[in-house]
């Protein structure tokens, strides 16, 4: 019987608010996650960074150019940021400084370099930002460089509604192949297949249905992006979906899916 394929399970947005952070720590402690990416400029990150100590997961930077969250830097709405990036009108020096600042905060509060880097709303793969990011990673981390998230989707299950298959393709189209190509050309590691994106604002199947459709097609080195929360405060995006993700990932259903599709949760730093 073939060995189980290795799956990276990453919870995004650590630091955004306490209910999200508590949910991530609880799932990680239970072995249901293998990574979390951190919004280092969020006001709660400094206070709760120590809660990640001792967890057997990869810790990454969730690079942010769209939400100030009370921190310093230049932030644009996602549509404006995309337009400026593709017009090559983002200031390279400012982009570089913002990446460096968020990396500095990560290292200051966690005491080490990130295991990986991805982007809030996948901004890490946009023109200008991706060029500066790859250059900084190569210069800053030498032979211990973090791996980067590749948003190219794995096989999209035809049982899912069209819009829930369309969004992953849109995400990838906004710089995914170019970022992955640049990263690999520089010798940086990336995951192999991306799952977990869905359109929160449109009708969608219950999370367990989505999860099974993704895991059915996961292969060795695939990454499952998640957004769990134990609770959520007013104003936190797609809060009720976060609660459903938390409940599903902590349930026997998730375990059954992993067994059914011969998958085991692993850290990206150990397999890429």
Protein backbone atom coordinates (compact mmCIF):
# COMPACT_ATOMS: atom_id res chain seq x y z
CA UNK A 1 0.00 0.00 0.00
CA UNK A 2 1.49 3.42 -0.93
CA UNK A 3 2.48 5.81 1.81
CA UNK A 4 0.11 8.63 2.73
CA UNK A 5 0.71 11.85 0.83
CA UNK A 6 2.05 14.72 2.93
CA UNK A 7 -0.28 17.72 3.32
CA UNK A 8 0.56 21.17 4.64
CA UNK A 9 -2.40 22.61 6.59
CA UNK A 10 -1.93 26.34 7.16
CA UNK A 11 -4.12 28.72 9.15
CA UNK A 12 -3.82 32.31 7.94
CA UNK A 13 -4.21 35.58 9.84
CA UNK A 14 -2.58 34.87 13.21
CA UNK A 15 -2.57 38.13 15.15
CA UNK A 16 -5.69 39.64 13.60
CA UNK A 17 -7.78 39.17 16.77
CA UNK A 18 -7.93 36.97 19.86
CA UNK A 19 -10.68 34.58 18.72
CA UNK A 20 -8.74 33.73 15.57
CA UNK A 21 -5.49 33.30 17.50
CA UNK A 22 -7.07 31.09 20.17
CA UNK A 23 -8.60 28.86 17.52
CA UNK A 24 -5.29 28.49 15.68
CA UNK A 25 -3.36 27.61 18.85
CA UNK A 26 -6.00 25.06 19.87
CA UNK A 27 -6.01 23.33 16.48
CA UNK A 28 -2.21 23.36 16.27
CA UNK A 29 -1.94 21.86 19.75
CA UNK A 30 -4.28 19.07 18.64
CA UNK A 31 -2.16 18.29 15.57
CA UNK A 32 -4.75 19.60 13.11
CA UNK A 33 -2.46 22.27 11.61
CA UNK A 34 1.14 22.27 10.45
CA UNK A 35 1.58 26.02 9.80
CA UNK A 36 0.23 29.45 10.59
CA UNK A 37 1.04 32.75 8.90
CA UNK A 38 1.27 35.88 11.02
CA UNK A 39 0.09 39.45 10.51
CA UNK A 40 3.01 40.95 12.35
CA UNK A 41 1.70 44.51 12.18
CA UNK A 42 -1.63 43.63 13.79
CA UNK A 43 -2.08 45.14 17.26
CA UNK A 44 -2.58 41.77 18.94
CA UNK A 45 0.40 40.01 17.40
CA UNK A 46 3.06 41.25 19.81
CA UNK A 47 0.94 40.29 22.83
CA UNK A 48 0.06 36.82 21.56
CA UNK A 49 3.18 35.80 19.65
CA UNK A 50 4.47 33.93 22.71
CA UNK A 51 1.43 31.62 22.53
CA UNK A 52 3.00 30.03 19.44
CA UNK A 53 6.10 28.93 21.34
CA UNK A 54 6.55 25.18 21.48
CA UNK A 55 3.94 24.36 18.83
CA UNK A 56 5.05 21.77 16.27
CA UNK A 57 4.15 23.91 13.27
CA UNK A 58 5.84 26.17 10.75
CA UNK A 59 5.54 29.89 11.51
CA UNK A 60 5.36 32.27 8.58
CA UNK A 61 4.93 35.91 7.65
CA UNK A 62 1.53 36.86 6.22
CA UNK A 63 2.79 39.77 4.13
CA UNK A 64 0.29 42.63 4.26
CA UNK A 65 -0.21 45.60 1.94
CA UNK A 66 -4.00 45.98 2.16
CA UNK A 67 -5.00 46.48 5.82
CA UNK A 68 -3.24 48.90 8.15
CA UNK A 69 -4.54 47.16 11.32
CA UNK A 70 -3.14 50.12 13.21
CA UNK A 71 0.43 49.55 12.03
CA UNK A 72 2.82 51.74 10.08
CA UNK A 73 3.17 51.40 6.33
CA UNK A 74 1.46 52.04 3.01
CA UNK A 75 -1.80 50.16 2.53
CA UNK A 76 -4.23 50.17 -0.40
CA UNK A 77 -7.53 48.45 -1.06
CA UNK A 78 -6.92 45.20 -2.90
CA UNK A 79 -8.30 46.41 -6.28
CA UNK A 80 -6.18 49.57 -6.12
CA UNK A 81 -3.09 47.63 -5.08
CA UNK A 82 -3.53 45.18 -7.97
CA UNK A 83 -3.97 48.03 -10.46
CA UNK A 84 -0.89 49.87 -9.21
CA UNK A 85 1.17 46.68 -9.18
CA UNK A 86 0.34 45.74 -12.76
CA UNK A 87 0.92 49.32 -13.90
CA UNK A 88 4.33 49.10 -12.17
CA UNK A 89 3.42 52.21 -10.21
CA UNK A 90 4.22 50.86 -6.75
CA UNK A 91 7.26 52.56 -5.28
CA UNK A 92 9.93 49.88 -5.05
CA UNK A 93 11.74 51.46 -2.13
CA UNK A 94 8.50 51.72 -0.13
CA UNK A 95 7.54 48.14 -0.96
CA UNK A 96 10.97 46.93 0.09
CA UNK A 97 10.86 48.88 3.34
CA UNK A 98 7.43 47.48 4.21
CA UNK A 99 8.55 43.90 3.63
CA UNK A 100 11.65 44.46 5.75
CA UNK A 101 9.62 46.04 8.57
CA UNK A 102 7.19 43.13 8.73
CA UNK A 103 10.08 40.65 8.74
CA UNK A 104 11.76 42.65 11.50
CA UNK A 105 8.60 42.45 13.61
CA UNK A 106 8.34 38.71 13.01
CA UNK A 107 11.91 38.12 14.18
CA UNK A 108 11.57 40.55 17.09
CA UNK A 109 8.51 38.86 18.58
CA UNK A 110 9.20 35.24 17.66
CA UNK A 111 12.95 35.25 18.03
CA UNK A 112 13.71 33.58 14.73
CA UNK A 113 13.33 33.78 10.98
CA UNK A 114 10.07 32.69 9.34
CA UNK A 115 9.75 29.16 8.00
CA UNK A 116 7.73 30.48 5.06
CA UNK A 117 6.15 33.61 3.61
CA UNK A 118 2.76 34.09 1.99
CA UNK A 119 0.51 37.11 1.52
CA UNK A 120 -2.67 38.55 2.97
CA UNK A 121 -5.02 38.41 -0.04
CA UNK A 122 -2.03 36.78 -1.80
CA UNK A 123 -0.27 40.11 -2.30
CA UNK A 124 3.14 38.42 -2.18
CA UNK A 125 2.71 37.33 -5.80
CA UNK A 126 1.88 40.72 -7.33
CA UNK A 127 4.34 42.48 -9.67
CA UNK A 128 6.93 44.64 -7.89
CA UNK A 129 6.09 43.03 -4.53
CA UNK A 130 7.19 39.55 -5.65
CA UNK A 131 10.43 40.90 -7.14
CA UNK A 132 11.36 42.70 -3.95
CA UNK A 133 10.28 39.78 -1.78
CA UNK A 134 12.39 37.19 -3.59
CA UNK A 135 15.41 39.50 -3.60
CA UNK A 136 15.06 40.21 0.13
CA UNK A 137 14.67 36.53 1.00
CA UNK A 138 17.78 35.62 -0.98
CA UNK A 139 19.86 38.41 0.55
CA UNK A 140 18.54 38.19 4.11
CA UNK A 141 18.40 34.46 4.77
CA UNK A 142 21.22 32.92 2.77
CA UNK A 143 21.18 29.13 3.03
CA UNK A 144 18.20 29.05 5.43
CA UNK A 145 15.64 30.65 3.19
CA UNK A 146 11.90 30.30 3.93
CA UNK A 147 9.62 28.56 1.47
CA UNK A 148 7.00 30.60 -0.39
CA UNK A 149 3.34 29.92 -1.06
CA UNK A 150 2.43 28.96 -4.62
CA UNK A 151 -1.27 29.65 -5.27
CA UNK A 152 -1.60 27.51 -8.39
CA UNK A 153 -4.61 25.32 -7.53
CA UNK A 154 -4.59 21.59 -7.53
CA UNK A 155 -7.27 19.78 -9.48
CA UNK A 156 -10.60 21.54 -8.98
CA UNK A 157 -13.42 19.15 -8.21
CA UNK A 158 -16.24 19.46 -10.75
CA UNK A 159 -18.83 18.84 -8.03
CA UNK A 160 -18.22 22.34 -6.67
CA UNK A 161 -20.30 25.31 -7.91
CA UNK A 162 -18.70 27.20 -10.78
CA UNK A 163 -17.90 30.32 -8.72
CA UNK A 164 -16.19 28.17 -6.09
CA UNK A 165 -13.93 26.81 -8.84
CA UNK A 166 -13.50 30.18 -10.49
CA UNK A 167 -12.10 32.06 -7.49
CA UNK A 168 -9.00 29.81 -7.08
CA UNK A 169 -8.21 30.39 -10.74
CA UNK A 170 -8.56 34.17 -10.34
CA UNK A 171 -6.23 34.13 -7.34
CA UNK A 172 -3.62 32.18 -9.27
CA UNK A 173 -3.99 34.42 -12.32
CA UNK A 174 -2.99 37.47 -10.28
CA UNK A 175 0.70 36.65 -10.40
CA UNK A 176 0.82 33.06 -9.21
CA UNK A 177 2.81 31.46 -12.06
CA UNK A 178 5.19 34.41 -12.27
CA UNK A 179 5.88 34.36 -8.52
CA UNK A 180 6.39 30.59 -8.44
CA UNK A 181 8.62 30.71 -11.49
CA UNK A 182 10.74 33.51 -10.03
CA UNK A 183 11.00 31.72 -6.69
CA UNK A 184 12.06 28.40 -8.16
CA UNK A 185 14.52 30.10 -10.53
CA UNK A 186 16.12 31.57 -7.41
CA UNK A 187 16.24 28.16 -5.73
CA UNK A 188 13.38 28.86 -3.32
CA UNK A 189 10.98 26.10 -2.38
CA UNK A 190 7.22 26.23 -2.89
CA UNK A 191 4.27 23.99 -2.09
CA UNK A 192 2.92 21.75 -4.87
CA UNK A 193 -0.76 22.50 -5.36
CA UNK A 194 -3.00 24.91 -3.46
CA UNK A 195 -6.42 24.25 -1.95
CA UNK A 196 -8.78 26.00 0.45
CA UNK A 197 -9.84 29.18 -1.34
CA UNK A 198 -13.56 29.79 -1.80
CA UNK A 199 -15.81 32.77 -2.31
CA UNK A 200 -17.14 33.63 1.13
CA UNK A 201 -19.48 36.27 -0.26
CA UNK A 202 -21.36 33.93 -2.57
CA UNK A 203 -23.51 30.90 -1.72
CA UNK A 204 -21.26 27.94 -1.11
CA UNK A 205 -21.59 24.37 0.19
CA UNK A 206 -20.99 23.68 3.89
CA UNK A 207 -17.32 23.64 4.77
CA UNK A 208 -17.11 19.84 5.21
CA UNK A 209 -18.32 19.45 1.60
CA UNK A 210 -15.72 21.90 0.36
CA UNK A 211 -13.02 20.26 2.43
CA UNK A 212 -13.68 16.80 1.06
CA UNK A 213 -13.71 18.12 -2.51
CA UNK A 214 -10.25 19.63 -1.95
CA UNK A 215 -8.72 16.71 -0.09
CA UNK A 216 -9.95 14.27 -2.72
CA UNK A 217 -7.40 15.81 -5.11
CA UNK A 218 -4.55 16.70 -2.75
CA UNK A 219 -1.16 15.22 -3.59
CA UNK A 220 2.21 15.04 -1.86
CA UNK A 221 3.33 18.56 -0.94
CA UNK A 222 -0.08 20.21 -1.42
CA UNK A 223 -1.11 23.09 0.83
CA UNK A 224 -4.56 23.52 2.38
CA UNK A 225 -5.22 27.16 3.38
CA UNK A 226 -7.65 27.62 6.27
CA UNK A 227 -9.11 30.52 8.28
CA UNK A 228 -10.35 29.06 11.57
CA UNK A 229 -11.52 30.97 14.64
CA UNK A 230 -12.89 29.92 18.01
CA UNK A 231 -14.86 33.19 18.15
CA UNK A 232 -14.88 36.44 16.24
CA UNK A 233 -15.29 40.11 17.02
CA UNK A 234 -17.46 42.55 15.11
CA UNK A 235 -15.80 43.60 11.90
CA UNK A 236 -13.72 40.46 11.37
CA UNK A 237 -14.25 39.31 7.80
CA UNK A 238 -16.33 36.16 7.16
CA UNK A 239 -16.54 35.41 10.88
CA UNK A 240 -19.20 32.70 10.69
CA UNK A 241 -17.27 30.84 8.02
CA UNK A 242 -14.25 30.96 10.32
CA UNK A 243 -16.30 29.31 13.07
CA UNK A 244 -17.39 26.53 10.73
CA UNK A 245 -13.82 25.94 9.60
CA UNK A 246 -12.67 25.72 13.22
CA UNK A 247 -15.39 23.23 14.10
CA UNK A 248 -14.72 21.04 11.06
CA UNK A 249 -10.93 20.98 11.40
CA UNK A 250 -11.25 19.98 15.03
CA UNK A 251 -13.77 17.22 14.34
CA UNK A 252 -13.67 13.53 13.47
CA UNK A 253 -14.82 14.47 9.96
CA UNK A 254 -11.39 15.93 9.18
CA UNK A 255 -9.67 12.81 10.51
CA UNK A 256 -11.93 10.60 8.41
CA UNK A 257 -11.17 12.60 5.26
CA UNK A 258 -7.43 12.37 5.87
CA UNK A 259 -7.70 8.60 6.26
CA UNK A 260 -10.05 8.19 3.29
CA UNK A 261 -7.73 10.05 0.91
CA UNK A 262 -4.50 8.76 2.45
CA UNK A 263 -3.12 12.06 3.64
CA UNK A 264 -1.04 13.02 6.66
CA UNK A 265 -0.41 16.51 8.01
CA UNK A 266 3.23 17.63 7.73
CA UNK A 267 5.27 20.79 8.08
CA UNK A 268 6.34 22.34 4.81
CA UNK A 269 9.83 22.99 6.17
CA UNK A 270 10.29 19.24 6.56
CA UNK A 271 9.06 18.11 3.14
CA UNK A 272 9.75 20.85 0.56
